[in-house]
Amino acid sequence: MHQQPYAMPMYVTPPKDTTVAYLLAIFLGQFGAHNFYLGRTGCAVSQLVLWILGLATSWIGVGFILLFVVLTWWIVDLCSIPQYIREHTAMLARAWEQQQASHFGPH
């Protein structure tokens, strides 16, 4: 007797929430918190480092350039959060499909 494979949940990790991403971006965006949440660790670390270096060197004037870069990046991120979430959700769906293909094999 052939048993049907059990159904697995569509996402191993739940998709990211737009409201949470926007709240993190608005209140902690200069630290890259929204990018950490969205799984964009490289961008998040870059924003955090630029922010810290900008603050540390602002007393000599150079830091204001770095702070301006972070501010500009933050504004672009605010406009791009829905796209980042779509990309993250698509990546989860691809990972789920690959998991299903490797688990159940070709039919």
Protein backbone atom coordinates (compact mmCIF):
# COMPACT_ATOMS: atom_id res chain seq x y z
CA MET A 1 0.00 0.00 0.00
CA HIS A 2 1.39 3.39 -1.02
CA GLN A 3 1.20 6.13 1.60
CA GLN A 4 0.69 9.74 0.61
CA PRO A 5 3.44 12.04 1.85
CA TYR A 6 2.31 14.40 4.55
CA ALA A 7 1.86 18.06 3.73
CA MET A 8 4.58 20.34 4.99
CA PRO A 9 3.97 23.96 5.90
CA MET A 10 4.70 26.40 3.11
CA TYR A 11 7.25 28.40 5.10
CA VAL A 12 9.76 27.07 7.55
CA THR A 13 10.32 30.67 8.60
CA PRO A 14 7.33 33.00 8.52
CA PRO A 15 7.47 35.86 6.02
CA LYS A 16 8.58 39.22 7.33
CA ASP A 17 6.00 41.76 8.45
CA THR A 18 5.94 45.12 6.66
CA THR A 19 4.78 47.02 9.75
CA VAL A 20 7.63 45.65 11.86
CA ALA A 21 10.14 46.49 9.13
CA TYR A 22 8.85 50.07 8.88
CA LEU A 23 8.84 50.56 12.66
CA LEU A 24 12.42 49.32 12.89
CA ALA A 25 13.42 51.53 9.96
CA ILE A 26 11.78 54.63 11.41
CA PHE A 27 13.02 54.28 14.98
CA LEU A 28 16.30 52.37 14.56
CA GLY A 29 17.06 52.80 10.87
CA GLN A 30 20.37 54.57 11.41
CA PHE A 31 21.65 51.38 13.06
CA GLY A 32 20.39 49.18 10.20
CA ALA A 33 17.89 47.36 12.46
CA HIS A 34 15.37 46.94 9.65
CA ASN A 35 18.03 45.32 7.45
CA PHE A 36 18.99 42.90 10.22
CA TYR A 37 15.28 42.01 10.51
CA LEU A 38 14.96 41.53 6.76
CA GLY A 39 18.00 39.25 6.61
CA ARG A 40 20.13 41.81 4.80
CA THR A 41 23.02 41.46 7.23
CA GLY A 42 25.70 42.92 4.99
CA CYS A 43 23.73 46.11 4.44
CA ALA A 44 22.87 46.29 8.13
CA VAL A 45 26.48 45.97 9.26
CA SER A 46 27.55 48.57 6.67
CA GLN A 47 24.94 51.04 7.89
CA LEU A 48 25.92 50.45 11.50
CA VAL A 49 29.64 50.91 10.80
CA LEU A 50 29.05 54.06 8.72
CA TRP A 51 26.82 55.48 11.48
CA ILE A 52 29.39 54.81 14.21
CA LEU A 53 32.29 56.14 12.12
CA GLY A 54 30.20 59.17 11.17
CA LEU A 55 29.43 59.99 14.78
CA ALA A 56 33.04 59.37 15.85
CA THR A 57 34.47 61.65 13.16
CA SER A 58 31.77 64.30 13.03
CA TRP A 59 33.75 66.51 15.38
CA ILE A 60 36.30 67.05 12.58
CA GLY A 61 33.63 67.49 9.93
CA VAL A 62 34.37 64.34 7.92
CA GLY A 63 31.74 62.37 9.78
CA PHE A 64 28.93 64.52 8.47
CA ILE A 65 29.56 63.09 5.00
CA LEU A 66 29.20 59.55 6.38
CA LEU A 67 26.07 60.54 8.30
CA PHE A 68 24.63 62.04 5.11
CA VAL A 69 25.34 58.75 3.29
CA VAL A 70 23.50 56.81 6.01
CA LEU A 71 20.58 59.28 5.89
CA THR A 72 20.32 58.94 2.11
CA TRP A 73 20.54 55.15 2.36
CA TRP A 74 17.83 55.19 5.05
CA ILE A 75 15.46 57.20 2.80
CA VAL A 76 16.02 54.78 -0.09
CA ASP A 77 15.41 51.85 2.27
CA LEU A 78 12.10 53.38 3.43
CA CYS A 79 10.94 53.38 -0.18
CA SER A 80 12.29 49.87 -0.82
CA ILE A 81 10.98 47.88 2.18
CA PRO A 82 8.03 46.34 0.27
CA GLN A 83 10.44 45.12 -2.43
CA TYR A 84 12.84 43.70 0.17
CA ILE A 85 9.97 41.78 1.75
CA ARG A 86 8.82 40.42 -1.63
CA GLU A 87 12.39 39.27 -2.33
CA HIS A 88 12.64 37.63 1.10
CA THR A 89 9.30 35.85 0.63
CA ALA A 90 10.33 34.64 -2.83
CA MET A 91 13.59 33.33 -1.38
CA LEU A 92 11.62 31.43 1.29
CA ALA A 93 9.35 29.95 -1.38
CA ARG A 94 12.35 28.82 -3.46
CA ALA A 95 13.95 27.24 -0.38
CA TRP A 96 10.68 25.45 0.41
CA GLU A 97 10.41 24.15 -3.16
CA GLN A 98 13.99 22.89 -3.04
CA GLN A 99 13.31 21.23 0.29
CA GLN A 100 10.21 19.56 -1.12
CA ALA A 101 12.06 18.37 -4.22
CA SER A 102 14.89 16.88 -2.18
CA HIS A 103 12.56 15.37 0.41
CA PHE A 104 10.00 13.77 -1.90
CA GLY A 105 12.08 13.42 -5.05
CA PRO A 106 10.76 13.65 -8.60
CA HIS A 107 7.31 12.17 -9.27
